[in-house]
PDB file of all heavy atoms in Angstrom:
ATOM      1  N   VAL A   1      26.325  20.235  75.816  1.00  0.00           N
ATOM      2  CA  VAL A   1      25.063  20.871  76.227  1.00  0.00           C
ATOM      3  C   VAL A   1      23.885  19.887  76.156  1.00  0.00           C
ATOM      4  O   VAL A   1      22.716  20.267  76.109  1.00  0.00           O
ATOM      5  CB  VAL A   1      24.773  22.158  75.403  1.00  0.00           C
ATOM      6  CG1 VAL A   1      25.936  23.140  75.532  1.00  0.00           C
ATOM      7  CG2 VAL A   1      24.524  21.847  73.941  1.00  0.00           C
ATOM      8  N   GLY A   2      24.235  18.598  76.082  1.00  0.00           N
ATOM      9  CA  GLY A   2      23.199  17.579  76.194  1.00  0.00           C
ATOM     10  C   GLY A   2      22.362  17.327  74.950  1.00  0.00           C
ATOM     11  O   GLY A   2      21.205  16.911  75.036  1.00  0.00           O
ATOM     12  N   ARG A   3      22.941  17.578  73.766  1.00  0.00           N
ATOM     13  CA  ARG A   3      22.234  17.221  72.526  1.00  0.00           C
ATOM     14  C   ARG A   3      23.028  16.136  71.815  1.00  0.00           C
ATOM     15  O   ARG A   3      24.243  16.263  71.642  1.00  0.00           O
ATOM     16  CB  ARG A   3      22.141  18.430  71.563  1.00  0.00           C
ATOM     17  CG  ARG A   3      21.418  19.638  72.064  1.00  0.00           C
ATOM     18  CD  ARG A   3      19.935  19.421  72.198  1.00  0.00           C
ATOM     19  NE  ARG A   3      19.194  20.637  72.392  1.00  0.00           N
ATOM     20  CZ  ARG A   3      19.157  21.360  73.500  1.00  0.00           C
ATOM     21  NH1 ARG A   3      19.831  20.950  74.529  1.00  0.00           N
ATOM     22  NH2 ARG A   3      18.451  22.466  73.620  1.00  0.00           N
ATOM     23  N   GLN A   4      22.338  15.100  71.401  1.00  0.00           N
ATOM     24  CA  GLN A   4      23.057  14.066  70.639  1.00  0.00           C
ATOM     25  C   GLN A   4      23.496  14.667  69.303  1.00  0.00           C
ATOM     26  O   GLN A   4      22.642  15.168  68.553  1.00  0.00           O
ATOM     27  CB  GLN A   4      22.125  12.899  70.359  1.00  0.00           C
ATOM     28  CG  GLN A   4      21.772  12.161  71.637  1.00  0.00           C
ATOM     29  CD  GLN A   4      21.126  10.875  71.241  1.00  0.00           C
ATOM     30  OE1 GLN A   4      21.570  10.144  70.406  1.00  0.00           O
ATOM     31  NE2 GLN A   4      20.007  10.616  71.816  1.00  0.00           N
ATOM     32  N   THR A   5      24.770  14.617  69.004  1.00  0.00           N
ATOM     33  CA  THR A   5      25.253  15.273  67.785  1.00  0.00           C
ATOM     34  C   THR A   5      26.254  14.379  67.077  1.00  0.00           C
ATOM     35  O   THR A   5      27.073  13.714  67.707  1.00  0.00           O
ATOM     36  CB  THR A   5      25.961  16.605  68.149  1.00  0.00           C
ATOM     37  OG1 THR A   5      25.091  17.338  69.022  1.00  0.00           O
ATOM     38  CG2 THR A   5      26.258  17.456  66.943  1.00  0.00           C
ATOM     39  N   MET A   6      26.169  14.348  65.730  1.00  0.00           N
ATOM     40  CA  MET A   6      27.215  13.675  64.971  1.00  0.00           C
ATOM     41  C   MET A   6      27.438  14.449  63.660  1.00  0.00           C
ATOM     42  O   MET A   6      26.590  15.252  63.237  1.00  0.00           O
ATOM     43  CB  MET A   6      26.861  12.195  64.745  1.00  0.00           C
ATOM     44  CG  MET A   6      25.590  11.894  64.039  1.00  0.00           C
ATOM     45  SD  MET A   6      25.607  12.196  62.346  1.00  0.00           S
ATOM     46  CE  MET A   6      27.027  11.181  61.900  1.00  0.00           C
ATOM     47  N   ALA A   7      28.598  14.201  63.053  1.00  0.00           N
ATOM     48  CA  ALA A   7      28.903  14.943  61.816  1.00  0.00           C
ATOM     49  C   ALA A   7      29.446  13.996  60.751  1.00  0.00           C
ATOM     50  O   ALA A   7      30.162  13.047  61.049  1.00  0.00           O
ATOM     51  CB  ALA A   7      29.938  16.031  62.109  1.00  0.00           C
ATOM     52  N   VAL A   8      29.067  14.303  59.510  1.00  0.00           N
ATOM     53  CA  VAL A   8      29.622  13.615  58.340  1.00  0.00           C
ATOM     54  C   VAL A   8      30.437  14.653  57.572  1.00  0.00           C
ATOM     55  O   VAL A   8      29.960  15.776  57.359  1.00  0.00           O
ATOM     56  CB  VAL A   8      28.473  13.067  57.443  1.00  0.00           C
ATOM     57  CG1 VAL A   8      28.996  12.606  56.107  1.00  0.00           C
ATOM     58  CG2 VAL A   8      27.743  11.944  58.149  1.00  0.00           C
ATOM     59  N   ILE A   9      31.657  14.302  57.175  1.00  0.00           N
ATOM     60  CA  ILE A   9      32.440  15.229  56.340  1.00  0.00           C
ATOM     61  C   ILE A   9      32.310  14.764  54.894  1.00  0.00           C
ATOM     62  O   ILE A   9      32.690  13.634  54.559  1.00  0.00           O
ATOM     63  CB  ILE A   9      33.920  15.266  56.783  1.00  0.00           C
ATOM     64  CG1 ILE A   9      33.976  15.750  58.236  1.00  0.00           C
ATOM     65  CG2 ILE A   9      34.737  16.178  55.881  1.00  0.00           C
ATOM     66  CD1 ILE A   9      35.355  15.755  58.832  1.00  0.00           C
ATOM     67  N   SER A  10      31.731  15.618  54.040  1.00  0.00           N
ATOM     68  CA  SER A  10      31.472  15.176  52.665  1.00  0.00           C
ATOM     69  C   SER A  10      32.117  16.136  51.659  1.00  0.00           C
ATOM     70  O   SER A  10      32.452  17.268  51.968  1.00  0.00           O
ATOM     71  CB  SER A  10      29.958  15.044  52.430  1.00  0.00           C
ATOM     72  OG  SER A  10      29.338  16.317  52.458  1.00  0.00           O
ATOM     73  N   ASP A  11      32.225  15.657  50.436  1.00  0.00           N
ATOM     74  CA  ASP A  11      32.989  16.375  49.414  1.00  0.00           C
ATOM     75  C   ASP A  11      32.164  17.461  48.741  1.00  0.00           C
ATOM     76  O   ASP A  11      31.019  17.235  48.367  1.00  0.00           O
ATOM     77  CB  ASP A  11      33.479  15.369  48.346  1.00  0.00           C
ATOM     78  CG  ASP A  11      34.271  16.071  47.245  1.00  0.00           C
ATOM     79  OD1 ASP A  11      35.390  16.542  47.535  1.00  0.00           O
ATOM     80  OD2 ASP A  11      33.768  16.168  46.115  1.00  0.00           O
ATOM     81  N   MET A  12      32.803  18.628  48.559  1.00  0.00           N
ATOM     82  CA  MET A  12      32.183  19.701  47.796  1.00  0.00           C
ATOM     83  C   MET A  12      33.213  20.302  46.832  1.00  0.00           C
ATOM     84  O   MET A  12      33.255  21.510  46.624  1.00  0.00           O
ATOM     85  CB  MET A  12      31.629  20.776  48.744  1.00  0.00           C
ATOM     86  CG  MET A  12      30.650  21.766  48.199  1.00  0.00           C
ATOM     87  SD  MET A  12      29.492  21.414  46.942  1.00  0.00           S
ATOM     88  CE  MET A  12      28.104  20.754  47.817  1.00  0.00           C
ATOM     89  N   SER A  13      34.080  19.391  46.272  1.00  0.00           N
ATOM     90  CA  SER A  13      35.031  19.900  45.273  1.00  0.00           C
ATOM     91  C   SER A  13      34.305  20.084  43.944  1.00  0.00           C
ATOM     92  O   SER A  13      34.670  20.896  43.125  1.00  0.00           O
ATOM     93  CB  SER A  13      36.228  18.963  45.116  1.00  0.00           C
ATOM     94  OG  SER A  13      35.748  17.668  44.719  1.00  0.00           O
ATOM     95  N   GLN A  14      33.231  19.271  43.742  1.00  0.00           N
ATOM     96  CA  GLN A  14      32.357  19.451  42.578  1.00  0.00           C
ATOM     97  C   GLN A  14      30.927  19.596  43.098  1.00  0.00           C
ATOM     98  O   GLN A  14      30.642  19.189  44.235  1.00  0.00           O
ATOM     99  CB  GLN A  14      32.480  18.262  41.616  1.00  0.00           C
ATOM    100  CG  GLN A  14      32.154  16.915  42.222  1.00  0.00           C
ATOM    101  CD  GLN A  14      32.245  15.777  41.201  1.00  0.00           C
ATOM    102  OE1 GLN A  14      32.136  15.972  40.000  1.00  0.00           O
ATOM    103  NE2 GLN A  14      32.436  14.551  41.700  1.00  0.00           N
ATOM    104  N   PRO A  15      30.007  20.190  42.331  1.00  0.00           N
ATOM    105  CA  PRO A  15      28.638  20.332  42.844  1.00  0.00           C
ATOM    106  C   PRO A  15      28.033  18.972  43.201  1.00  0.00           C
ATOM    107  O   PRO A  15      28.380  17.948  42.613  1.00  0.00           O
ATOM    108  CB  PRO A  15      27.887  20.983  41.672  1.00  0.00           C
ATOM    109  CG  PRO A  15      28.960  21.706  40.913  1.00  0.00           C
ATOM    110  CD  PRO A  15      30.172  20.841  41.015  1.00  0.00           C
ATOM    111  N   LEU A  16      27.104  19.005  44.154  1.00  0.00           N
ATOM    112  CA  LEU A  16      26.395  17.784  44.545  1.00  0.00           C
ATOM    113  C   LEU A  16      25.236  17.585  43.566  1.00  0.00           C
ATOM    114  O   LEU A  16      24.503  18.530  43.265  1.00  0.00           O
ATOM    115  CB  LEU A  16      25.869  17.965  45.978  1.00  0.00           C
ATOM    116  CG  LEU A  16      25.226  16.764  46.637  1.00  0.00           C
ATOM    117  CD1 LEU A  16      26.200  15.627  46.816  1.00  0.00           C
ATOM    118  CD2 LEU A  16      24.672  17.143  48.010  1.00  0.00           C
ATOM    119  N   GLY A  17      25.071  16.342  43.084  1.00  0.00           N
ATOM    120  CA  GLY A  17      24.014  16.126  42.086  1.00  0.00           C
ATOM    121  C   GLY A  17      24.409  16.782  40.770  1.00  0.00           C
ATOM    122  O   GLY A  17      25.575  17.078  40.515  1.00  0.00           O
ATOM    123  N   TYR A  18      23.393  17.068  39.932  1.00  0.00           N
ATOM    124  CA  TYR A  18      23.668  17.700  38.632  1.00  0.00           C
ATOM    125  C   TYR A  18      23.087  19.116  38.541  1.00  0.00           C
ATOM    126  O   TYR A  18      23.529  19.913  37.735  1.00  0.00           O
ATOM    127  CB  TYR A  18      23.064  16.849  37.495  1.00  0.00           C
ATOM    128  CG  TYR A  18      23.785  15.512  37.308  1.00  0.00           C
ATOM    129  CD1 TYR A  18      23.196  14.328  37.707  1.00  0.00           C
ATOM    130  CD2 TYR A  18      25.048  15.458  36.739  1.00  0.00           C
ATOM    131  CE1 TYR A  18      23.855  13.114  37.542  1.00  0.00           C
ATOM    132  CE2 TYR A  18      25.715  14.235  36.568  1.00  0.00           C
ATOM    133  CZ  TYR A  18      25.118  13.084  36.974  1.00  0.00           C
ATOM    134  OH  TYR A  18      25.773  11.891  36.817  1.00  0.00           O
ATOM    135  N   ALA A  19      22.033  19.384  39.334  1.00  0.00           N
ATOM    136  CA  ALA A  19      21.290  20.638  39.145  1.00  0.00           C
ATOM    137  C   ALA A  19      21.769  21.737  40.090  1.00  0.00           C
ATOM    138  O   ALA A  19      21.997  21.487  41.279  1.00  0.00           O
ATOM    139  CB  ALA A  19      19.800  20.392  39.385  1.00  0.00           C
ATOM    140  N   VAL A  20      21.912  22.948  39.557  1.00  0.00           N
ATOM    141  CA  VAL A  20      22.230  24.123  40.380  1.00  0.00           C
ATOM    142  C   VAL A  20      21.239  25.229  39.982  1.00  0.00           C
ATOM    143  O   VAL A  20      21.295  25.753  38.888  1.00  0.00           O
ATOM    144  CB  VAL A  20      23.686  24.614  40.146  1.00  0.00           C
ATOM    145  CG1 VAL A  20      23.982  25.813  41.018  1.00  0.00           C
ATOM    146  CG2 VAL A  20      24.683  23.486  40.367  1.00  0.00           C
ATOM    147  N   GLY A  21      20.323  25.539  40.872  1.00  0.00           N
ATOM    148  CA  GLY A  21      19.270  26.509  40.541  1.00  0.00           C
ATOM    149  C   GLY A  21      18.012  26.063  41.255  1.00  0.00           C
ATOM    150  O   GLY A  21      17.824  24.874  41.517  1.00  0.00           O
ATOM    151  N   ASN A  22      17.103  26.937  41.579  1.00  0.00           N
ATOM    152  CA  ASN A  22      16.038  26.635  42.532  1.00  0.00           C
ATOM    153  C   ASN A  22      15.032  25.606  42.035  1.00  0.00           C
ATOM    154  O   ASN A  22      14.929  24.513  42.594  1.00  0.00           O
ATOM    155  CB  ASN A  22      15.361  27.950  42.948  1.00  0.00           C
ATOM    156  CG  ASN A  22      16.394  28.878  43.623  1.00  0.00           C
ATOM    157  OD1 ASN A  22      16.714  28.729  44.768  1.00  0.00           O
ATOM    158  ND2 ASN A  22      16.962  29.806  42.878  1.00  0.00           N
ATOM    159  N   ALA A  23      14.308  25.914  40.951  1.00  0.00           N
ATOM    160  CA  ALA A  23      13.314  24.951  40.441  1.00  0.00           C
ATOM    161  C   ALA A  23      14.014  23.689  39.931  1.00  0.00           C
ATOM    162  O   ALA A  23      13.495  22.573  40.059  1.00  0.00           O
ATOM    163  CB  ALA A  23      12.486  25.585  39.327  1.00  0.00           C
ATOM    164  N   LEU A  24      15.210  23.854  39.359  1.00  0.00           N
ATOM    165  CA  LEU A  24      15.952  22.702  38.826  1.00  0.00           C
ATOM    166  C   LEU A  24      16.327  21.736  39.959  1.00  0.00           C
ATOM    167  O   LEU A  24      16.293  20.516  39.794  1.00  0.00           O
ATOM    168  CB  LEU A  24      17.236  23.180  38.106  1.00  0.00           C
ATOM    169  CG  LEU A  24      16.993  24.070  36.878  1.00  0.00           C
ATOM    170  CD1 LEU A  24      18.297  24.736  36.443  1.00  0.00           C
ATOM    171  CD2 LEU A  24      16.386  23.284  35.714  1.00  0.00           C
ATOM    172  N   GLU A  25      16.654  22.307  41.136  1.00  0.00           N
ATOM    173  CA  GLU A  25      16.999  21.445  42.272  1.00  0.00           C
ATOM    174  C   GLU A  25      15.761  20.756  42.853  1.00  0.00           C
ATOM    175  O   GLU A  25      15.856  19.627  43.327  1.00  0.00           O
ATOM    176  CB  GLU A  25      17.716  22.271  43.355  1.00  0.00           C
ATOM    177  CG  GLU A  25      19.139  22.653  42.956  1.00  0.00           C
ATOM    178  CD  GLU A  25      19.908  23.396  44.039  1.00  0.00           C
ATOM    179  OE1 GLU A  25      19.777  23.045  45.215  1.00  0.00           O
ATOM    180  OE2 GLU A  25      20.633  24.338  43.703  1.00  0.00           O
ATOM    181  N   VAL A  26      14.617  21.435  42.808  1.00  0.00           N
ATOM    182  CA  VAL A  26      13.376  20.784  43.276  1.00  0.00           C
ATOM    183  C   VAL A  26      13.079  19.569  42.380  1.00  0.00           C
ATOM    184  O   VAL A  26      12.720  18.492  42.848  1.00  0.00           O
ATOM    185  CB  VAL A  26      12.189  21.785  43.279  1.00  0.00           C
ATOM    186  CG1 VAL A  26      10.878  21.061  43.582  1.00  0.00           C
ATOM    187  CG2 VAL A  26      12.423  22.887  44.311  1.00  0.00           C
ATOM    188  N   LYS A  27      13.261  19.779  41.086  1.00  0.00           N
ATOM    189  CA  LYS A  27      13.066  18.687  40.101  1.00  0.00           C
ATOM    190  C   LYS A  27      13.965  17.486  40.447  1.00  0.00           C
ATOM    191  O   LYS A  27      13.550  16.337  40.435  1.00  0.00           O
ATOM    192  CB  LYS A  27      13.452  19.225  38.710  1.00  0.00           C
ATOM    193  CG  LYS A  27      12.535  18.814  37.628  1.00  0.00           C
ATOM    194  CD  LYS A  27      12.923  19.447  36.331  1.00  0.00           C
ATOM    195  CE  LYS A  27      11.862  19.578  35.389  1.00  0.00           C
ATOM    196  NZ  LYS A  27      11.989  20.354  34.251  1.00  0.00           N
ATOM    197  N   GLU A  28      15.215  17.799  40.772  1.00  0.00           N
ATOM    198  CA  GLU A  28      16.181  16.742  41.091  1.00  0.00           C
ATOM    199  C   GLU A  28      15.830  16.060  42.420  1.00  0.00           C
ATOM    200  O   GLU A  28      15.979  14.854  42.552  1.00  0.00           O
ATOM    201  CB  GLU A  28      17.593  17.365  41.174  1.00  0.00           C
ATOM    202  CG  GLU A  28      18.701  16.361  41.277  1.00  0.00           C
ATOM    203  CD  GLU A  28      20.066  16.950  40.971  1.00  0.00           C
ATOM    204  OE1 GLU A  28      20.650  17.590  41.861  1.00  0.00           O
ATOM    205  OE2 GLU A  28      20.565  16.799  39.875  1.00  0.00           O
ATOM    206  N   ALA A  29      15.321  16.852  43.355  1.00  0.00           N
ATOM    207  CA  ALA A  29      14.899  16.272  44.640  1.00  0.00           C
ATOM    208  C   ALA A  29      13.743  15.297  44.422  1.00  0.00           C
ATOM    209  O   ALA A  29      13.684  14.221  45.039  1.00  0.00           O
ATOM    210  CB  ALA A  29      14.488  17.385  45.610  1.00  0.00           C
ATOM    211  N   ILE A  30      12.806  15.666  43.539  1.00  0.00           N
ATOM    212  CA  ILE A  30      11.661  14.788  43.244  1.00  0.00           C
ATOM    213  C   ILE A  30      12.168  13.451  42.667  1.00  0.00           C
ATOM    214  O   ILE A  30      11.767  12.380  43.095  1.00  0.00           O
ATOM    215  CB  ILE A  30      10.670  15.484  42.267  1.00  0.00           C
ATOM    216  CG1 ILE A  30       9.988  16.666  42.979  1.00  0.00           C
ATOM    217  CG2 ILE A  30       9.644  14.505  41.710  1.00  0.00           C
ATOM    218  CD1 ILE A  30       9.171  17.576  42.066  1.00  0.00           C
ATOM    219  N   ALA A  31      13.094  13.549  41.717  1.00  0.00           N
ATOM    220  CA  ALA A  31      13.651  12.325  41.105  1.00  0.00           C
ATOM    221  C   ALA A  31      14.347  11.475  42.170  1.00  0.00           C
ATOM    222  O   ALA A  31      14.230  10.241  42.190  1.00  0.00           O
ATOM    223  CB  ALA A  31      14.653  12.701  40.008  1.00  0.00           C
ATOM    224  N   THR A  32      15.049  12.123  43.100  1.00  0.00           N
ATOM    225  CA  THR A  32      15.802  11.390  44.132  1.00  0.00           C
ATOM    226  C   THR A  32      14.840  10.687  45.091  1.00  0.00           C
ATOM    227  O   THR A  32      15.050   9.540  45.481  1.00  0.00           O
ATOM    228  CB  THR A  32      16.742  12.363  44.888  1.00  0.00           C
ATOM    229  OG1 THR A  32      17.519  13.089  43.926  1.00  0.00           O
ATOM    230  CG2 THR A  32      17.656  11.645  45.852  1.00  0.00           C
ATOM    231  N   LEU A  33      13.762  11.384  45.464  1.00  0.00           N
ATOM    232  CA  LEU A  33      12.786  10.771  46.376  1.00  0.00           C
ATOM    233  C   LEU A  33      12.088   9.575  45.726  1.00  0.00           C
ATOM    234  O   LEU A  33      11.596   8.681  46.402  1.00  0.00           O
ATOM    235  CB  LEU A  33      11.749  11.815  46.819  1.00  0.00           C
ATOM    236  CG  LEU A  33      12.254  12.834  47.864  1.00  0.00           C
ATOM    237  CD1 LEU A  33      11.326  14.050  47.926  1.00  0.00           C
ATOM    238  CD2 LEU A  33      12.360  12.190  49.247  1.00  0.00           C
ATOM    239  N   LYS A  34      12.056   9.580  44.408  1.00  0.00           N
ATOM    240  CA  LYS A  34      11.456   8.432  43.691  1.00  0.00           C
ATOM    241  C   LYS A  34      12.480   7.315  43.495  1.00  0.00           C
ATOM    242  O   LYS A  34      12.194   6.280  42.890  1.00  0.00           O
ATOM    243  CB  LYS A  34      10.936   8.892  42.324  1.00  0.00           C
ATOM    244  CG  LYS A  34       9.673   9.757  42.413  1.00  0.00           C
ATOM    245  CD  LYS A  34       9.228  10.215  41.029  1.00  0.00           C
ATOM    246  CE  LYS A  34       7.926  11.018  41.088  1.00  0.00           C
ATOM    247  NZ  LYS A  34       7.583  11.633  39.786  1.00  0.00           N
ATOM    248  N   GLY A  35      13.707   7.569  43.948  1.00  0.00           N
ATOM    249  CA  GLY A  35      14.741   6.524  43.824  1.00  0.00           C
ATOM    250  C   GLY A  35      15.525   6.567  42.544  1.00  0.00           C
ATOM    251  O   GLY A  35      16.276   5.632  42.248  1.00  0.00           O
ATOM    252  N   ASN A  36      15.315   7.633  41.707  1.00  0.00           N
ATOM    253  CA  ASN A  36      16.128   7.679  40.480  1.00  0.00           C
ATOM    254  C   ASN A  36      16.866   9.022  40.325  1.00  0.00           C
ATOM    255  O   ASN A  36      16.930   9.582  39.230  1.00  0.00           O
ATOM    256  CB  ASN A  36      15.279   7.337  39.229  1.00  0.00           C
ATOM    257  CG  ASN A  36      13.916   8.014  39.245  1.00  0.00           C
ATOM    258  OD1 ASN A  36      13.791   9.008  39.912  1.00  0.00           O
ATOM    259  ND2 ASN A  36      12.918   7.505  38.577  1.00  0.00           N
ATOM    260  N   GLY A  37      17.391   9.512  41.460  1.00  0.00           N
ATOM    261  CA  GLY A  37      18.179  10.757  41.426  1.00  0.00           C
ATOM    262  C   GLY A  37      19.652  10.466  41.174  1.00  0.00           C
ATOM    263  O   GLY A  37      20.053   9.305  41.001  1.00  0.00           O
ATOM    264  N   PRO A  38      20.491  11.493  41.138  1.00  0.00           N
ATOM    265  CA  PRO A  38      21.930  11.306  40.942  1.00  0.00           C
ATOM    266  C   PRO A  38      22.530  10.433  42.052  1.00  0.00           C
ATOM    267  O   PRO A  38      22.091  10.491  43.203  1.00  0.00           O
ATOM    268  CB  PRO A  38      22.506  12.732  41.036  1.00  0.00           C
ATOM    269  CG  PRO A  38      21.334  13.638  40.897  1.00  0.00           C
ATOM    270  CD  PRO A  38      20.133  12.913  41.326  1.00  0.00           C
ATOM    271  N   ARG A  39      23.513   9.685  41.674  1.00  0.00           N
ATOM    272  CA  ARG A  39      24.113   8.713  42.606  1.00  0.00           C
ATOM    273  C   ARG A  39      24.665   9.378  43.878  1.00  0.00           C
ATOM    274  O   ARG A  39      24.437   8.930  44.992  1.00  0.00           O
ATOM    275  CB  ARG A  39      25.222   7.957  41.885  1.00  0.00           C
ATOM    276  CG  ARG A  39      25.339   6.523  42.409  1.00  0.00           C
ATOM    277  CD  ARG A  39      26.147   5.529  41.703  1.00  0.00           C
ATOM    278  NE  ARG A  39      27.436   6.047  41.338  1.00  0.00           N
ATOM    279  CZ  ARG A  39      27.933   6.046  40.122  1.00  0.00           C
ATOM    280  NH1 ARG A  39      27.289   5.509  39.195  1.00  0.00           N
ATOM    281  NH2 ARG A  39      29.106   6.510  39.826  1.00  0.00           N
ATOM    282  N   ASP A  40      25.402  10.504  43.694  1.00  0.00           N
ATOM    283  CA  ASP A  40      26.047  11.127  44.862  1.00  0.00           C
ATOM    284  C   ASP A  40      25.028  11.745  45.818  1.00  0.00           C
ATOM    285  O   ASP A  40      25.108  11.584  47.036  1.00  0.00           O
ATOM    286  CB  ASP A  40      27.108  12.169  44.436  1.00  0.00           C
ATOM    287  CG  ASP A  40      26.554  13.267  43.541  1.00  0.00           C
ATOM    288  OD1 ASP A  40      25.432  13.111  43.014  1.00  0.00           O
ATOM    289  OD2 ASP A  40      27.256  14.293  43.333  1.00  0.00           O
ATOM    290  N   LEU A  41      24.026  12.415  45.244  1.00  0.00           N
ATOM    291  CA  LEU A  41      22.999  13.039  46.090  1.00  0.00           C
ATOM    292  C   LEU A  41      22.232  11.961  46.859  1.00  0.00           C
ATOM    293  O   LEU A  41      21.967  12.093  48.057  1.00  0.00           O
ATOM    294  CB  LEU A  41      22.046  13.893  45.222  1.00  0.00           C
ATOM    295  CG  LEU A  41      20.892  14.574  45.941  1.00  0.00           C
ATOM    296  CD1 LEU A  41      21.384  15.555  46.973  1.00  0.00           C
ATOM    297  CD2 LEU A  41      19.972  15.311  44.953  1.00  0.00           C
TER     298      LEU A  41
END
């Protein structure tokens, strides 16, 4: 249908990152944007 599309297949056998929960994930996103988040995320 004329849209450039690509896919990555990634693992979800264990949670991504360390945090599971709304504010906790925002906290983890902030750390990641600063370059010191979890390695996998």
